[in-house]
C-alpha atoms as a PDB file:
ATOM      1  CA  MET A   1      -0.003   0.000   0.002  1.00  0.00           C
ATOM      2  CA  ASP A   2       2.891   2.312   0.758  1.00  0.00           C
ATOM      3  CA  ASP A   3       4.410   1.612  -2.633  1.00  0.00           C
ATOM      4  CA  VAL A   4       1.237   2.651  -4.464  1.00  0.00           C
ATOM      5  CA  THR A   5       1.015   5.834  -2.431  1.00  0.00           C
ATOM      6  CA  THR A   6       4.641   6.635  -3.129  1.00  0.00           C
ATOM      7  CA  ILE A   7       4.178   6.114  -6.880  1.00  0.00           C
ATOM      8  CA  ALA A   8       0.973   8.187  -6.888  1.00  0.00           C
ATOM      9  CA  LYS A   9       2.710  10.878  -4.950  1.00  0.00           C
ATOM     10  CA  GLY A  10       5.661  10.871  -7.398  1.00  0.00           C
ATOM     11  CA  ILE A  11       3.388  11.105 -10.424  1.00  0.00           C
ATOM     12  CA  SER A  12       1.451  13.809  -8.745  1.00  0.00           C
ATOM     13  CA  ASP A  13       4.632  15.758  -7.882  1.00  0.00           C
ATOM     14  CA  TRP A  14       6.211  15.299 -11.326  1.00  0.00           C
ATOM     15  CA  GLY A  15       2.982  16.230 -13.059  1.00  0.00           C
ATOM     16  CA  MET A  16       2.759  19.491 -11.192  1.00  0.00           C
ATOM     17  CA  MET A  17       6.370  20.227 -11.979  1.00  0.00           C
ATOM     18  CA  ALA A  18       5.793  19.457 -15.660  1.00  0.00           C
ATOM     19  CA  ILE A  19       2.782  21.781 -15.714  1.00  0.00           C
ATOM     20  CA  THR A  20       4.765  24.488 -13.902  1.00  0.00           C
ATOM     21  CA  ALA A  21       7.726  24.058 -16.272  1.00  0.00           C
ATOM     22  CA  ALA A  22       5.432  24.205 -19.291  1.00  0.00           C
ATOM     23  CA  PHE A  23       3.829  27.377 -17.945  1.00  0.00           C
ATOM     24  CA  PHE A  24       7.202  29.058 -17.434  1.00  0.00           C
ATOM     25  CA  LEU A  25       8.344  27.970 -20.899  1.00  0.00           C
ATOM     26  CA  VAL A  26       5.245  29.514 -22.500  1.00  0.00           C
ATOM     27  CA  LEU A  27       5.662  32.665 -20.394  1.00  0.00           C
ATOM     28  CA  SER A  28       9.354  32.940 -21.361  1.00  0.00           C
ATOM     29  CA  ALA A  29       8.553  32.437 -25.047  1.00  0.00           C
ATOM     30  CA  GLY A  30       5.877  35.146 -24.843  1.00  0.00           C
ATOM     31  CA  LEU A  31       8.291  37.563 -23.166  1.00  0.00           C
ATOM     32  CA  MET A  32      10.974  36.852 -25.761  1.00  0.00           C
ATOM     33  CA  ILE A  33       8.555  37.474 -28.641  1.00  0.00           C
ATOM     34  CA  ALA A  34       7.362  40.705 -27.007  1.00  0.00           C
ATOM     35  CA  CYS A  35      10.977  41.840 -26.477  1.00  0.00           C
ATOM     36  CA  PHE A  36      11.874  41.069 -30.086  1.00  0.00           C
ATOM     37  CA  LYS A  37       8.849  43.022 -31.371  1.00  0.00           C
ATOM     38  CA  TRP A  38       9.709  45.927 -29.082  1.00  0.00           C
ATOM     39  CA  PHE A  39      13.333  45.971 -30.293  1.00  0.00           C
ATOM     40  CA  LYS A  40      12.132  45.742 -33.902  1.00  0.00           C
ATOM     41  CA  SER A  41       9.803  48.743 -33.444  1.00  0.00           C
ATOM     42  CA  ILE A  42      12.633  50.755 -31.834  1.00  0.00           C
ATOM     43  CA  ILE A  43      15.029  49.929 -34.697  1.00  0.00           C
ATOM     44  CA  ASN A  44      12.376  50.716 -37.349  1.00  0.00           C
ATOM     45  CA  GLY A  45      11.703  54.065 -35.649  1.00  0.00           C
ATOM     46  CA  ILE A  46      15.411  54.901 -35.649  1.00  0.00           C
ATOM     47  CA  ILE A  47      15.727  53.962 -39.345  1.00  0.00           C
ATOM     48  CA  ASN A  48      12.647  56.017 -40.322  1.00  0.00           C
ATOM     49  CA  SER A  49      13.792  59.092 -38.411  1.00  0.00           C
ATOM     50  CA  THR A  50      17.283  58.759 -39.937  1.00  0.00           C
ATOM     51  CA  ASP A  51      15.784  58.524 -43.440  1.00  0.00           C
ATOM     52  CA  LYS A  52      13.668  61.642 -42.832  1.00  0.00           C
ATOM     53  CA  THR A  53      16.643  63.533 -41.437  1.00  0.00           C
ATOM     54  CA  MET A  54      18.819  62.522 -44.385  1.00  0.00           C
ATOM     55  CA  ASN A  55      16.126  63.607 -46.889  1.00  0.00           C
ATOM     56  CA  ASP A  56      15.716  66.966 -45.140  1.00  0.00           C
ATOM     57  CA  LEU A  57      19.489  67.417 -45.085  1.00  0.00           C
ATOM     58  CA  LEU A  58      19.743  66.525 -48.785  1.00  0.00           C
ATOM     59  CA  ASN A  59      17.010  69.041 -49.723  1.00  0.00           C
ATOM     60  CA  GLU A  60      18.634  71.763 -47.646  1.00  0.00           C
ATOM     61  CA  THR A  61      21.993  71.024 -49.266  1.00  0.00           C
ATOM     62  CA  ARG A  62      20.457  71.308 -52.740  1.00  0.00           C
ATOM     63  CA  VAL A  63      18.863  74.673 -51.879  1.00  0.00           C
ATOM     64  CA  GLN A  64      22.154  75.956 -50.493  1.00  0.00           C
ATOM     65  CA  ASN A  65      24.066  74.752 -53.562  1.00  0.00           C
ATOM     66  CA  GLU A  66      21.638  76.610 -55.833  1.00  0.00           C
ATOM     67  CA  MET A  67      22.015  79.767 -53.742  1.00  0.00           C
ATOM     68  CA  LEU A  68      25.805  79.459 -53.782  1.00  0.00           C
ATOM     69  CA  ALA A  69      25.762  78.971 -57.558  1.00  0.00           C
ATOM     70  CA  ASP A  70      23.702  82.155 -57.940  1.00  0.00           C
ATOM     71  CA  ILE A  71      25.995  84.096 -55.627  1.00  0.00           C
ATOM     72  CA  SER A  72      29.174  82.835 -57.292  1.00  0.00           C
ATOM     73  CA  GLU A  73      27.753  83.646 -60.734  1.00  0.00           C
ATOM     74  CA  GLY A  74      27.008  87.170 -59.611  1.00  0.00           C
ATOM     75  CA  LEU A  75      30.486  87.590 -58.143  1.00  0.00           C
ATOM     76  CA  ARG A  76      32.280  86.550 -61.320  1.00  0.00           C
ATOM     77  CA  PRO A  77      33.338  89.752 -63.119  1.00  0.00           C
ATOM     78  CA  GLU A  78      33.229  88.155 -66.571  1.00  0.00           C
ATOM     79  CA  THR A  79      29.538  87.262 -66.117  1.00  0.00           C
ATOM     80  CA  GLN A  80      28.589  90.869 -65.393  1.00  0.00           C
ATOM     81  CA  LEU A  81      30.877  92.109 -68.159  1.00  0.00           C
ATOM     82  CA  ARG A  82      29.255  89.704 -70.636  1.00  0.00           C
ATOM     83  CA  ILE A  83      25.779  90.855 -69.586  1.00  0.00           C
ATOM     84  CA  LYS A  84      26.723  94.531 -69.766  1.00  0.00           C
ATOM     85  CA  ASN A  85      28.256  94.146 -73.224  1.00  0.00           C
ATOM     86  CA  THR A  86      25.280  92.194 -74.570  1.00  0.00           C
ATOM     87  CA  SER A  87      22.663  94.500 -73.065  1.00  0.00           C
ATOM     88  CA  SER A  88      24.592  97.605 -74.143  1.00  0.00           C
ATOM     89  CA  THR A  89      24.477  96.376 -77.733  1.00  0.00           C
ATOM     90  CA  TYR A  90      20.691  95.938 -77.550  1.00  0.00           C
ATOM     91  CA  PHE A  91      20.198  99.330 -75.913  1.00  0.00           C
ATOM     92  CA  ASP A  92      22.416 101.063 -78.501  1.00  0.00           C
ATOM     93  CA  LEU A  93      20.437  99.369 -81.269  1.00  0.00           C
ATOM     94  CA  SER A  94      17.257 100.655 -79.620  1.00  0.00           C
ATOM     95  CA  VAL A  95      18.623 104.226 -79.757  1.00  0.00           C
ATOM     96  CA  GLU A  96      18.975 103.906 -83.531  1.00  0.00           C
ATOM     97  CA  LYS A  97      15.534 102.333 -83.894  1.00  0.00           C
ATOM     98  CA  VAL A  98      13.889 105.069 -81.815  1.00  0.00           C
ATOM     99  CA  CYS A  99      15.588 107.817 -83.838  1.00  0.00           C
ATOM    100  CA  ARG A 100      14.253 106.180 -87.009  1.00  0.00           C
ATOM    101  CA  LEU A 101      10.803 106.016 -85.375  1.00  0.00           C
ATOM    102  CA  ILE A 102      10.882 109.753 -84.652  1.00  0.00           C
ATOM    103  CA  LYS A 103      11.792 110.526 -88.259  1.00  0.00           C
ATOM    104  CA  LYS A 104       9.201 108.092 -89.624  1.00  0.00           C
ATOM    105  CA  ILE A 105       6.409 109.444 -87.400  1.00  0.00           C
ATOM    106  CA  ARG A 106       7.218 113.038 -88.412  1.00  0.00           C
ATOM    107  CA  GLU A 107       7.057 112.137 -92.095  1.00  0.00           C
ATOM    108  CA  GLU A 108       4.236 109.617 -92.257  1.00  0.00           C
ATOM    109  CA  ASN A 109       1.779 110.449 -89.482  1.00  0.00           C
ATOM    110  CA  HIS A 110      -0.855 113.093 -89.140  1.00  0.00           C
ATOM    111  CA  ILE A 111       0.728 114.530 -85.986  1.00  0.00           C
ATOM    112  CA  VAL A 112      -2.009 117.120 -85.527  1.00  0.00           C
ATOM    113  CA  ASP A 113      -4.055 114.310 -83.924  1.00  0.00           C
ATOM    114  CA  ARG A 114      -1.874 114.201 -80.831  1.00  0.00           C
ATOM    115  CA  LYS A 115      -3.799 111.485 -78.970  1.00  0.00           C
ATOM    116  CA  ALA A 116      -3.593 109.025 -81.874  1.00  0.00           C
ATOM    117  CA  THR A 117       0.079 109.848 -82.385  1.00  0.00           C
ATOM    118  CA  VAL A 118       0.878 109.337 -78.666  1.00  0.00           C
ATOM    119  CA  ASP A 119      -0.962 106.006 -78.697  1.00  0.00           C
ATOM    120  CA  LYS A 120       1.017 104.921 -81.765  1.00  0.00           C
ATOM    121  CA  ILE A 121       4.301 106.005 -80.140  1.00  0.00           C
ATOM    122  CA  HIS A 122       3.455 104.041 -77.026  1.00  0.00           C
ATOM    123  CA  ASN A 123       2.603 100.893 -79.018  1.00  0.00           C
ATOM    124  CA  LEU A 124       5.768 101.102 -81.142  1.00  0.00           C
ATOM    125  CA  VAL A 125       8.016 101.610 -78.102  1.00  0.00           C
ATOM    126  CA  ARG A 126       6.284  98.778 -76.232  1.00  0.00           C
ATOM    127  CA  ASN A 127       6.930  96.518 -79.239  1.00  0.00           C
ATOM    128  CA  LEU A 128      10.638  97.471 -79.136  1.00  0.00           C
ATOM    129  CA  HIS A 129      10.722  96.771 -75.411  1.00  0.00           C
ATOM    130  CA  GLU A 130       9.036  93.357 -75.767  1.00  0.00           C
ATOM    131  CA  ASP A 131      11.307  92.421 -78.671  1.00  0.00           C
ATOM    132  CA  ARG A 132      14.380  93.216 -76.553  1.00  0.00           C
ATOM    133  CA  ASN A 133      12.927  91.257 -73.621  1.00  0.00           C
ATOM    134  CA  SER A 134      12.372  88.229 -75.858  1.00  0.00           C
ATOM    135  CA  ARG A 135      16.069  88.353 -76.730  1.00  0.00           C
ATOM    136  CA  PHE A 136      17.014  88.767 -73.066  1.00  0.00           C
ATOM    137  CA  ASP A 137      15.009  85.615 -72.270  1.00  0.00           C
ATOM    138  CA  CYS A 138      17.881  83.593 -73.795  1.00  0.00           C
ATOM    139  CA  TYR A 139      20.215  84.755 -71.015  1.00  0.00           C
ATOM    140  CA  SER A 140      20.033  84.084 -67.295  1.00  0.00           C
ATOM    141  CA  TYR A 141      21.617  85.731 -64.279  1.00  0.00           C
ATOM    142  CA  ARG A 142      21.382  84.462 -60.720  1.00  0.00           C
ATOM    143  CA  GLY A 143      18.860  81.843 -61.771  1.00  0.00           C
ATOM    144  CA  LYS A 144      16.445  84.322 -63.396  1.00  0.00           C
ATOM    145  CA  LYS A 145      15.940  85.343 -67.005  1.00  0.00           C
ATOM    146  CA  LEU A 146      17.655  88.587 -67.883  1.00  0.00           C
ATOM    147  CA  SER A 147      14.305  90.023 -68.963  1.00  0.00           C
ATOM    148  CA  ASP A 148      13.155  89.781 -65.321  1.00  0.00           C
ATOM    149  CA  TYR A 149      15.554  92.630 -64.542  1.00  0.00           C
ATOM    150  CA  THR A 150      13.967  95.031 -67.050  1.00  0.00           C
ATOM    151  CA  ASN A 151      11.531  97.740 -66.049  1.00  0.00           C
ATOM    152  CA  PRO A 152       8.157  98.274 -67.806  1.00  0.00           C
ATOM    153  CA  ASP A 153       8.452 101.994 -66.948  1.00  0.00           C
ATOM    154  CA  TRP A 154      11.121 102.269 -69.648  1.00  0.00           C
ATOM    155  CA  VAL A 155       8.358 102.289 -72.249  1.00  0.00           C
ATOM    156  CA  GLU A 156       6.945 105.468 -70.689  1.00  0.00           C
ATOM    157  CA  TRP A 157      10.388 107.099 -70.439  1.00  0.00           C
ATOM    158  CA  VAL A 158      11.145 106.574 -74.124  1.00  0.00           C
ATOM    159  CA  SER A 159       7.609 107.434 -75.267  1.00  0.00           C
ATOM    160  CA  LYS A 160       7.824 110.755 -73.433  1.00  0.00           C
ATOM    161  CA  VAL A 161      11.131 111.630 -75.154  1.00  0.00           C
ATOM    162  CA  ILE A 162       9.687 110.773 -78.585  1.00  0.00           C
ATOM    163  CA  GLU A 163       6.553 112.808 -77.891  1.00  0.00           C
ATOM    164  CA  ASN A 164       8.618 115.787 -76.749  1.00  0.00           C
ATOM    165  CA  GLU A 165      10.748 115.606 -79.900  1.00  0.00           C
ATOM    166  CA  ILE A 166       7.830 115.351 -82.275  1.00  0.00           C
ATOM    167  CA  TYR A 167       5.930 118.206 -80.641  1.00  0.00           C
ATOM    168  CA  ASN A 168       8.965 120.384 -79.862  1.00  0.00           C
ATOM    169  CA  GLU A 169       8.241 124.080 -80.329  1.00  0.00           C
ATOM    170  CA  ASN A 170      11.578 124.633 -82.055  1.00  0.00           C
ATOM    171  CA  GLY A 171      10.706 122.154 -84.804  1.00  0.00           C
ATOM    172  CA  ALA A 172      12.468 119.041 -86.034  1.00  0.00           C
ATOM    173  CA  ASN A 173      16.123 118.614 -85.106  1.00  0.00           C
ATOM    174  CA  ASN A 174      17.651 115.180 -85.640  1.00  0.00           C
ATOM    175  CA  GLY A 175      20.795 115.998 -83.651  1.00  0.00           C
ATOM    176  CA  ARG A 176      18.796 117.077 -80.609  1.00  0.00           C
ATOM    177  CA  ALA A 177      16.532 114.025 -80.965  1.00  0.00           C
ATOM    178  CA  TYR A 178      19.545 111.677 -81.060  1.00  0.00           C
ATOM    179  CA  THR A 179      21.063 113.301 -77.963  1.00  0.00           C
ATOM    180  CA  ASN A 180      17.801 113.113 -75.992  1.00  0.00           C
ATOM    181  CA  VAL A 181      17.105 109.510 -77.007  1.00  0.00           C
ATOM    182  CA  GLN A 182      20.668 108.520 -76.160  1.00  0.00           C
ATOM    183  CA  ALA A 183      20.362 110.238 -72.768  1.00  0.00           C
ATOM    184  CA  VAL A 184      17.189 108.326 -71.869  1.00  0.00           C
ATOM    185  CA  TYR A 185      18.790 105.039 -72.894  1.00  0.00           C
ATOM    186  CA  GLU A 186      21.819 105.814 -70.740  1.00  0.00           C
ATOM    187  CA  ASN A 187      19.373 106.193 -67.815  1.00  0.00           C
ATOM    188  CA  ILE A 188      17.760 102.907 -68.814  1.00  0.00           C
ATOM    189  CA  LYS A 189      21.168 101.179 -68.842  1.00  0.00           C
ATOM    190  CA  LEU A 190      21.971 102.508 -65.385  1.00  0.00           C
ATOM    191  CA  ASP A 191      18.575 101.372 -64.069  1.00  0.00           C
ATOM    192  CA  PHE A 192      19.150  97.939 -65.619  1.00  0.00           C
ATOM    193  CA  TYR A 193      22.616  97.605 -64.028  1.00  0.00           C
ATOM    194  CA  HIS A 194      21.258  98.672 -60.643  1.00  0.00           C
ATOM    195  CA  ARG A 195      18.509  96.056 -60.885  1.00  0.00           C
ATOM    196  CA  ILE A 196      21.063  93.375 -61.714  1.00  0.00           C
ATOM    197  CA  ASN A 197      23.290  94.256 -58.774  1.00  0.00           C
ATOM    198  CA  ASN A 198      20.501  94.526 -56.167  1.00  0.00           C
END
């Protein structure tokens, strides 16, 4: 009878230990899986934040490189010299065209109708201005088209000089007209150069 009790007690004790061991094994496995998932989420978070930081840094570097390229282009003397020479040629050509316009308007138009004549002058000068701007569009300076540095007020400046020459009380004088047109285009050149450098 004692032997049966001893065997039953041993089975009972070992069974409880097996159940307890199984419970701790399941608990340990659960903790390990939870720890691995936690570590994985931490590592993924670090990788994602690093990727975002690197992308932000790359974008900022690109913006700074573009700004530095613009600044370095503006600091190179040959760039400004090239722009000044090219623009000066176009402005000098405009002086000749405007002087021809004055002569043509005097000869061909009915200048007694001052309003119609002034409107025509304004349209012709605006056409000259837009034509020059379309040529300036081929050049860039500090990341902008060269035509972005022109001033629409120039049309009014030149139109006023033409009007004053056509309706001058002293009559027609081509020498005076050339001097006045050249003077207004010198002002236009200076305004253009100031806009480029500011």
